[in-house]
Amino acid sequence: MKKSRMLFFVVLLVLGLTAIPSVGNAQQERNLETVYDVIKGDERLVSFARLVDAAALADNLDHDGPFTVFAPTNTAWALLEAQAVETDATLTDILLYHVINGNYSAPNVANRDSLPTLLGEHVYFTVQQGAIMLNDSVKVTVTDMVAANGVVHVVDAVLIPPVNSLRTSPLGSSEQTIVEVLTKEGNFETFLALAEQAGLLDMLDDSHAGYYTLFAPTDEAFANASEDMVAEWLADPSESLKTILLYHIVGDHLGINQLATINAFVPTLEGRALLVTTDENIQVYVNGFPIQTFNIRAVNGVIHTVDQVLTP
C-alpha cells in the first residue's frame, strides 16, 4: 500500500501542546466522572484532551461507553512531534487506536494477549518486569483511573496504527455493501452470478445483517476451475454451489493484519475451516493460495481476493 506522509507536529504546534507536571484526581471524584472528564481533568493529559476535542470525539467519550482508554502523556505527544512520524493514519485514526470498547482494569489487560480497538486493529499486551506493555514498546505508567463509563490508563508513548490498517485502506467503500463493491470492481461477475443462483446475494447485499470476510475468487479463478467441478455446482445450486460459495465467507470482520497474526484454522459459514498462514515476508495464504488484493472495505465487511476457487 502506498504510504502518504503526515507530519503530526503541524497539528501539535497549532494546538500549542507542551509537557505539564503531574496532578492527580481523587478516586471518589473519578467515580462520578466520565472518561472524558478524567482525561480533561488530569494535567498530564492536556495534550490528549485537546486532540480529542479537535477530532470531535469528546462527546463520545463523555456519553457513550464503557471504554478503556490508553491515554498518552503530554511528553509522549511532544516526542511524536519531534520524531515527525510518517503514517497513513489520520489524527482520528490514531486516537481511536487508543480506545477499546469495554471496561478493562489493569489485571484484566495483563491477562489478555490483545484487544480490538475502535479503529478495528488490535493492541497487543505483554507484561515486562512488572509493567504492562502495549505492542512491546509502549509502557502503561498509571493504571485504573476509574470513571463512570470506563477506565483510563496512562501510557508513555503514542500508539501508531500498523501499516495496512483496514480503516486506512483506500480500496472499496465504507458506504457500499459487499455486492455493490464487487460490482464496481468489475472482476467478480462470475462470483456475483453464482451467488445469485445460490440465493446468497441478498445476504451479502444487506448492510444490517452482520459483518463478513469474503475471500473472493476473481473471474479468472472461476475460468481456471475444472469443467466437471463447475458442472457439479451448477447442477445443484441450492446445495453444491451454495456449499462452495459459503466456504469463501467468514462470519467476522477480519482485516489483513488480523489474518496475518492468526496462522490457524478459521471457520467459514459453510461449517468447515480455512487454513490461514503467513510466511516470513508477511504474505498471507488461504489454504495455501496467496491473497492477491486485501482490505477492500465494505459497509458490511471486508473483501480479500484470491486467484483460485477454494474447496473444502
Protein backbone atom coordinates (compact mmCIF):
# COMPACT_ATOMS: atom_id res chain seq x y z
CA MET A 1 0.00 0.00 0.00
CA LYS A 2 1.39 3.39 -0.89
CA LYS A 3 2.05 5.44 2.23
CA SER A 4 1.16 9.07 2.49
CA ARG A 5 3.27 11.40 4.60
CA MET A 6 1.61 13.08 7.55
CA LEU A 7 3.66 15.19 9.97
CA PHE A 8 1.78 15.36 13.23
CA PHE A 9 3.99 18.10 14.62
CA VAL A 10 2.00 20.54 12.48
CA VAL A 11 -1.20 19.62 14.30
CA LEU A 12 0.54 19.69 17.65
CA LEU A 13 2.12 23.10 17.05
CA VAL A 14 -1.22 24.58 16.08
CA LEU A 15 -2.74 23.33 19.31
CA GLY A 16 0.21 24.59 21.33
CA LEU A 17 0.84 21.36 23.21
CA THR A 18 3.58 21.21 25.83
CA ALA A 19 4.51 18.91 28.69
CA ILE A 20 2.91 19.77 32.05
CA PRO A 21 3.71 18.34 35.52
CA SER A 22 1.54 15.63 37.08
CA VAL A 23 -1.56 16.47 39.10
CA GLY A 24 -3.76 13.59 40.41
CA ASN A 25 -7.52 13.39 40.98
CA ALA A 26 -9.23 11.81 43.97
CA GLN A 27 -10.60 8.32 43.25
CA GLN A 28 -14.04 9.11 44.66
CA GLU A 29 -14.36 12.09 42.30
CA ARG A 30 -13.43 9.95 39.29
CA ASN A 31 -16.23 7.52 40.05
CA LEU A 32 -18.69 10.32 39.22
CA GLU A 33 -16.82 11.48 36.12
CA THR A 34 -16.77 10.16 32.58
CA VAL A 35 -13.55 9.04 30.92
CA TYR A 36 -13.52 12.36 29.10
CA ASP A 37 -13.78 14.21 32.44
CA VAL A 38 -10.88 12.15 33.82
CA ILE A 39 -8.73 12.95 30.80
CA LYS A 40 -9.73 16.61 30.77
CA GLY A 41 -9.04 17.00 34.48
CA ASP A 42 -5.56 15.48 34.53
CA GLU A 43 -2.79 17.94 33.65
CA ARG A 44 -0.59 15.11 32.41
CA LEU A 45 -3.16 14.56 29.64
CA VAL A 46 -3.83 18.12 28.43
CA SER A 47 -2.38 17.32 25.00
CA PHE A 48 -4.52 14.23 24.62
CA ALA A 49 -7.66 16.09 25.73
CA ARG A 50 -7.08 18.87 23.20
CA LEU A 51 -6.59 16.37 20.39
CA VAL A 52 -9.78 14.54 21.41
CA ASP A 53 -11.57 17.89 21.20
CA ALA A 54 -10.00 18.66 17.80
CA ALA A 55 -11.11 15.28 16.41
CA ALA A 56 -14.69 15.79 17.72
CA LEU A 57 -14.51 12.65 19.86
CA ALA A 58 -15.22 14.34 23.20
CA ASP A 59 -18.97 13.76 23.04
CA ASN A 60 -18.47 10.02 22.50
CA LEU A 61 -16.11 9.66 25.45
CA ASP A 62 -18.39 11.82 27.59
CA HIS A 63 -21.66 9.97 26.97
CA ASP A 64 -21.11 6.51 25.46
CA GLY A 65 -19.17 3.54 26.72
CA PRO A 66 -17.93 1.75 28.61
CA PHE A 67 -14.47 2.48 27.24
CA THR A 68 -10.92 1.61 28.18
CA VAL A 69 -8.64 4.48 27.16
CA PHE A 70 -4.86 4.32 26.92
CA ALA A 71 -4.01 8.00 27.24
CA PRO A 72 -0.56 9.23 26.14
CA THR A 73 1.01 11.93 28.27
CA ASN A 74 1.91 15.42 27.09
CA THR A 75 5.53 14.27 26.91
CA ALA A 76 4.51 11.39 24.63
CA TRP A 77 2.83 13.78 22.17
CA ALA A 78 5.83 16.12 22.29
CA LEU A 79 8.08 13.17 21.43
CA LEU A 80 5.86 12.27 18.48
CA GLU A 81 6.15 15.87 17.29
CA ALA A 82 9.92 15.71 17.47
CA GLN A 83 10.04 12.42 15.57
CA ALA A 84 7.86 13.68 12.68
CA VAL A 85 6.33 10.23 12.23
CA GLU A 86 5.22 9.05 8.77
CA THR A 87 1.93 7.15 8.71
CA ASP A 88 -1.18 6.56 6.63
CA ALA A 89 -3.30 7.17 9.71
CA THR A 90 -5.19 10.40 10.38
CA LEU A 91 -5.35 12.04 13.80
CA THR A 92 -8.78 10.43 14.36
CA ASP A 93 -7.39 7.01 13.42
CA ILE A 94 -4.57 7.39 15.95
CA LEU A 95 -6.94 8.44 18.72
CA LEU A 96 -9.34 5.56 18.01
CA TYR A 97 -6.36 3.20 18.23
CA HIS A 98 -6.08 4.20 21.90
CA VAL A 99 -9.69 3.34 22.82
CA ILE A 100 -11.22 -0.10 23.44
CA ASN A 101 -14.88 -0.97 23.88
CA GLY A 102 -15.43 -2.33 27.38
CA ASN A 103 -14.11 -1.72 30.87
CA TYR A 104 -10.73 -3.44 31.35
CA SER A 105 -8.82 -2.92 34.56
CA ALA A 106 -5.05 -3.37 34.62
CA PRO A 107 -5.28 -7.01 35.83
CA ASN A 108 -7.77 -7.78 33.04
CA VAL A 109 -5.48 -6.22 30.46
CA ALA A 110 -2.45 -8.07 31.80
CA ASN A 111 -4.27 -11.40 31.42
CA ARG A 112 -5.09 -10.86 27.74
CA ASP A 113 -2.95 -11.22 24.64
CA SER A 114 -4.77 -8.50 22.71
CA LEU A 115 -7.99 -6.50 22.39
CA PRO A 116 -9.59 -4.79 19.36
CA THR A 117 -9.61 -1.00 19.39
CA LEU A 118 -12.27 1.32 18.00
CA LEU A 119 -10.05 1.61 14.92
CA GLY A 120 -10.59 -2.10 14.29
CA GLU A 121 -6.93 -3.03 14.75
CA HIS A 122 -5.80 -4.94 17.82
CA VAL A 123 -3.46 -3.71 20.52
CA TYR A 124 -1.21 -6.45 21.92
CA PHE A 125 -0.28 -6.83 25.59
CA THR A 126 2.69 -8.27 27.45
CA VAL A 127 3.96 -7.89 30.99
CA GLN A 128 7.64 -7.00 31.23
CA GLN A 129 9.37 -6.53 34.59
CA GLY A 130 6.02 -5.99 36.27
CA ALA A 131 4.81 -3.34 33.79
CA ILE A 132 2.08 -3.73 31.15
CA MET A 133 3.45 -3.09 27.67
CA LEU A 134 1.40 -2.30 24.58
CA ASN A 135 2.72 -3.59 21.25
CA ASP A 136 6.02 -4.37 23.06
CA SER A 137 7.06 -0.72 23.07
CA VAL A 138 4.54 1.47 24.93
CA LYS A 139 4.51 1.28 28.73
CA VAL A 140 1.48 1.75 30.97
CA THR A 141 2.69 4.13 33.68
CA VAL A 142 -0.55 4.82 35.59
CA THR A 143 -3.37 2.30 35.84
CA ASP A 144 -7.05 2.16 36.74
CA MET A 145 -8.20 5.78 36.73
CA VAL A 146 -11.80 4.68 37.14
CA ALA A 147 -14.67 6.64 35.58
CA ALA A 148 -18.44 6.26 35.41
CA ASN A 149 -18.24 4.94 31.85
CA GLY A 150 -14.93 3.11 31.85
CA VAL A 151 -11.32 3.39 32.88
CA VAL A 152 -8.23 5.35 31.81
CA HIS A 153 -4.66 4.03 31.81
CA VAL A 154 -1.80 6.46 31.17
CA VAL A 155 0.91 5.43 28.68
CA ASP A 156 4.35 6.86 27.96
CA ALA A 157 4.18 6.92 24.15
CA VAL A 158 1.69 7.33 21.31
CA LEU A 159 0.44 4.16 19.63
CA ILE A 160 0.69 4.36 15.82
CA PRO A 161 -1.74 2.12 13.89
CA PRO A 162 0.02 -0.64 11.94
CA VAL A 163 0.72 -0.48 8.23
CA ASN A 164 -2.12 -1.97 6.15
CA SER A 165 -4.75 -0.99 8.68
CA LEU A 166 -8.21 -1.87 7.38
CA ARG A 167 -9.55 1.55 8.36
CA THR A 168 -6.95 3.40 6.30
CA SER A 169 -7.34 1.22 3.19
CA PRO A 170 -8.18 3.25 0.07
CA LEU A 171 -9.92 0.28 -1.54
CA GLY A 172 -13.66 -0.30 -1.62
CA SER A 173 -16.12 1.91 0.21
CA SER A 174 -17.39 2.05 3.78
CA GLU A 175 -20.76 3.17 2.40
CA GLN A 176 -21.38 0.30 -0.04
CA THR A 177 -22.26 -3.34 0.58
CA ILE A 178 -20.04 -6.25 -0.44
CA VAL A 179 -22.21 -6.81 -3.52
CA GLU A 180 -22.00 -3.15 -4.53
CA VAL A 181 -18.24 -3.07 -4.06
CA LEU A 182 -17.71 -6.27 -6.08
CA THR A 183 -19.95 -4.94 -8.84
CA LYS A 184 -17.97 -1.71 -9.00
CA GLU A 185 -14.62 -3.55 -9.01
CA GLY A 186 -15.72 -5.32 -12.20
CA ASN A 187 -13.67 -8.53 -11.89
CA PHE A 188 -16.17 -10.60 -9.93
CA GLU A 189 -19.06 -11.07 -12.35
CA THR A 190 -18.92 -14.86 -12.10
CA PHE A 191 -18.96 -14.87 -8.31
CA LEU A 192 -21.92 -12.48 -8.25
CA ALA A 193 -23.87 -14.53 -10.81
CA LEU A 194 -23.23 -17.75 -8.90
CA ALA A 195 -24.11 -16.12 -5.57
CA GLU A 196 -27.43 -15.07 -7.05
CA GLN A 197 -28.13 -18.62 -8.24
CA ALA A 198 -27.25 -19.98 -4.79
CA GLY A 199 -29.51 -17.49 -3.04
CA LEU A 200 -26.65 -15.70 -1.24
CA LEU A 201 -26.71 -12.34 -2.97
CA ASP A 202 -29.25 -10.76 -0.62
CA MET A 203 -27.20 -11.76 2.42
CA LEU A 204 -24.06 -10.08 1.05
CA ASP A 205 -26.08 -7.05 -0.05
CA ASP A 206 -27.64 -6.45 3.38
CA SER A 207 -25.92 -3.64 5.26
CA HIS A 208 -27.59 -4.58 8.56
CA ALA A 209 -27.38 -8.39 8.68
CA GLY A 210 -23.84 -8.59 10.06
CA TYR A 211 -20.19 -8.45 9.09
CA TYR A 212 -18.48 -10.85 6.74
CA THR A 213 -14.98 -11.53 5.47
CA LEU A 214 -15.16 -12.69 1.86
CA PHE A 215 -12.27 -14.40 0.11
CA ALA A 216 -13.50 -13.52 -3.36
CA PRO A 217 -12.32 -15.56 -6.34
CA THR A 218 -11.81 -13.44 -9.44
CA ASP A 219 -13.44 -14.17 -12.78
CA GLU A 220 -10.11 -15.70 -13.85
CA ALA A 221 -10.19 -18.04 -10.86
CA PHE A 222 -13.56 -19.43 -11.92
CA ALA A 223 -12.40 -19.65 -15.53
CA ASN A 224 -9.50 -21.82 -14.39
CA ALA A 225 -11.72 -24.18 -12.38
CA SER A 226 -12.29 -27.62 -13.88
CA GLU A 227 -15.32 -28.01 -16.12
CA ASP A 228 -16.53 -31.05 -14.18
CA MET A 229 -16.42 -29.13 -10.92
CA VAL A 230 -18.33 -26.17 -12.35
CA ALA A 231 -20.91 -28.51 -13.89
CA GLU A 232 -21.44 -30.15 -10.48
CA TRP A 233 -22.02 -26.79 -8.84
CA LEU A 234 -24.45 -25.59 -11.49
CA ALA A 235 -26.42 -28.84 -11.42
CA ASP A 236 -27.23 -28.29 -7.73
CA PRO A 237 -27.29 -24.55 -6.92
CA SER A 238 -29.05 -24.95 -3.58
CA GLU A 239 -26.52 -27.47 -2.23
CA SER A 240 -23.22 -27.94 -4.08
CA LEU A 241 -22.95 -24.36 -5.35
CA LYS A 242 -24.11 -22.83 -2.08
CA THR A 243 -21.64 -25.02 -0.17
CA ILE A 244 -18.64 -23.92 -2.23
CA LEU A 245 -19.53 -20.23 -2.01
CA LEU A 246 -20.18 -20.29 1.75
CA TYR A 247 -16.73 -21.85 2.13
CA HIS A 248 -15.33 -18.48 0.98
CA ILE A 249 -17.18 -16.48 3.67
CA VAL A 250 -16.28 -15.99 7.33
CA GLY A 251 -18.85 -14.56 9.73
CA ASP A 252 -16.48 -11.95 11.11
CA HIS A 253 -14.69 -8.75 10.09
CA LEU A 254 -11.03 -9.75 9.58
CA GLY A 255 -8.58 -7.26 8.07
CA ILE A 256 -5.27 -8.41 6.64
CA ASN A 257 -3.36 -7.57 9.84
CA GLN A 258 -5.65 -9.80 11.88
CA LEU A 259 -5.30 -12.61 9.35
CA ALA A 260 -1.53 -12.23 9.38
CA THR A 261 -1.42 -12.98 13.11
CA ILE A 262 -3.79 -15.97 13.06
CA ASN A 263 -1.79 -18.84 11.48
CA ALA A 264 -4.66 -21.18 12.28
CA PHE A 265 -7.95 -22.55 11.03
CA VAL A 266 -10.77 -20.01 10.56
CA PRO A 267 -14.35 -21.36 10.48
CA THR A 268 -16.47 -20.44 7.47
CA LEU A 269 -20.23 -20.12 7.06
CA GLU A 270 -20.14 -23.48 5.28
CA GLY A 271 -19.02 -25.07 8.55
CA ARG A 272 -15.57 -26.27 7.63
CA ALA A 273 -12.49 -24.12 8.22
CA LEU A 274 -9.99 -22.33 6.02
CA LEU A 275 -6.30 -22.60 6.91
CA VAL A 276 -4.76 -19.13 7.15
CA THR A 277 -0.95 -18.95 7.20
CA THR A 278 1.70 -16.25 6.83
CA ASP A 279 5.25 -16.60 5.51
CA GLU A 280 8.42 -14.75 6.53
CA ASN A 281 7.61 -11.96 4.06
CA ILE A 282 4.19 -11.41 5.70
CA GLN A 283 2.40 -12.81 2.65
CA VAL A 284 -0.92 -14.24 3.83
CA TYR A 285 -2.18 -17.52 2.36
CA VAL A 286 -5.59 -19.17 2.47
CA ASN A 287 -5.48 -22.95 2.03
CA GLY A 288 -2.02 -22.43 0.56
CA PHE A 289 -3.10 -19.83 -2.01
CA PRO A 290 -1.83 -16.24 -1.66
CA ILE A 291 -4.23 -13.39 -1.03
CA GLN A 292 -3.81 -11.10 -4.03
CA THR A 293 -5.56 -7.86 -3.02
CA PHE A 294 -6.56 -7.22 0.56
CA ASN A 295 -8.61 -4.88 2.73
CA ILE A 296 -11.26 -3.98 0.16
CA ARG A 297 -13.70 -2.29 2.51
CA ALA A 298 -17.50 -2.58 2.53
CA VAL A 299 -20.14 -1.37 4.95
CA ASN A 300 -20.93 -4.97 5.91
CA GLY A 301 -17.44 -6.45 5.91
CA VAL A 302 -14.17 -6.77 4.06
CA ILE A 303 -13.07 -8.47 0.85
CA HIS A 304 -9.75 -10.18 0.11
CA THR A 305 -9.24 -11.54 -3.41
CA VAL A 306 -7.82 -14.90 -4.41
CA ASP A 307 -6.95 -16.27 -7.84
CA GLN A 308 -8.18 -19.78 -7.05
CA VAL A 309 -11.58 -21.17 -6.13
CA LEU A 310 -11.20 -22.55 -2.60
CA THR A 311 -12.53 -26.06 -1.97
CA PRO A 312 -13.06 -27.90 1.35
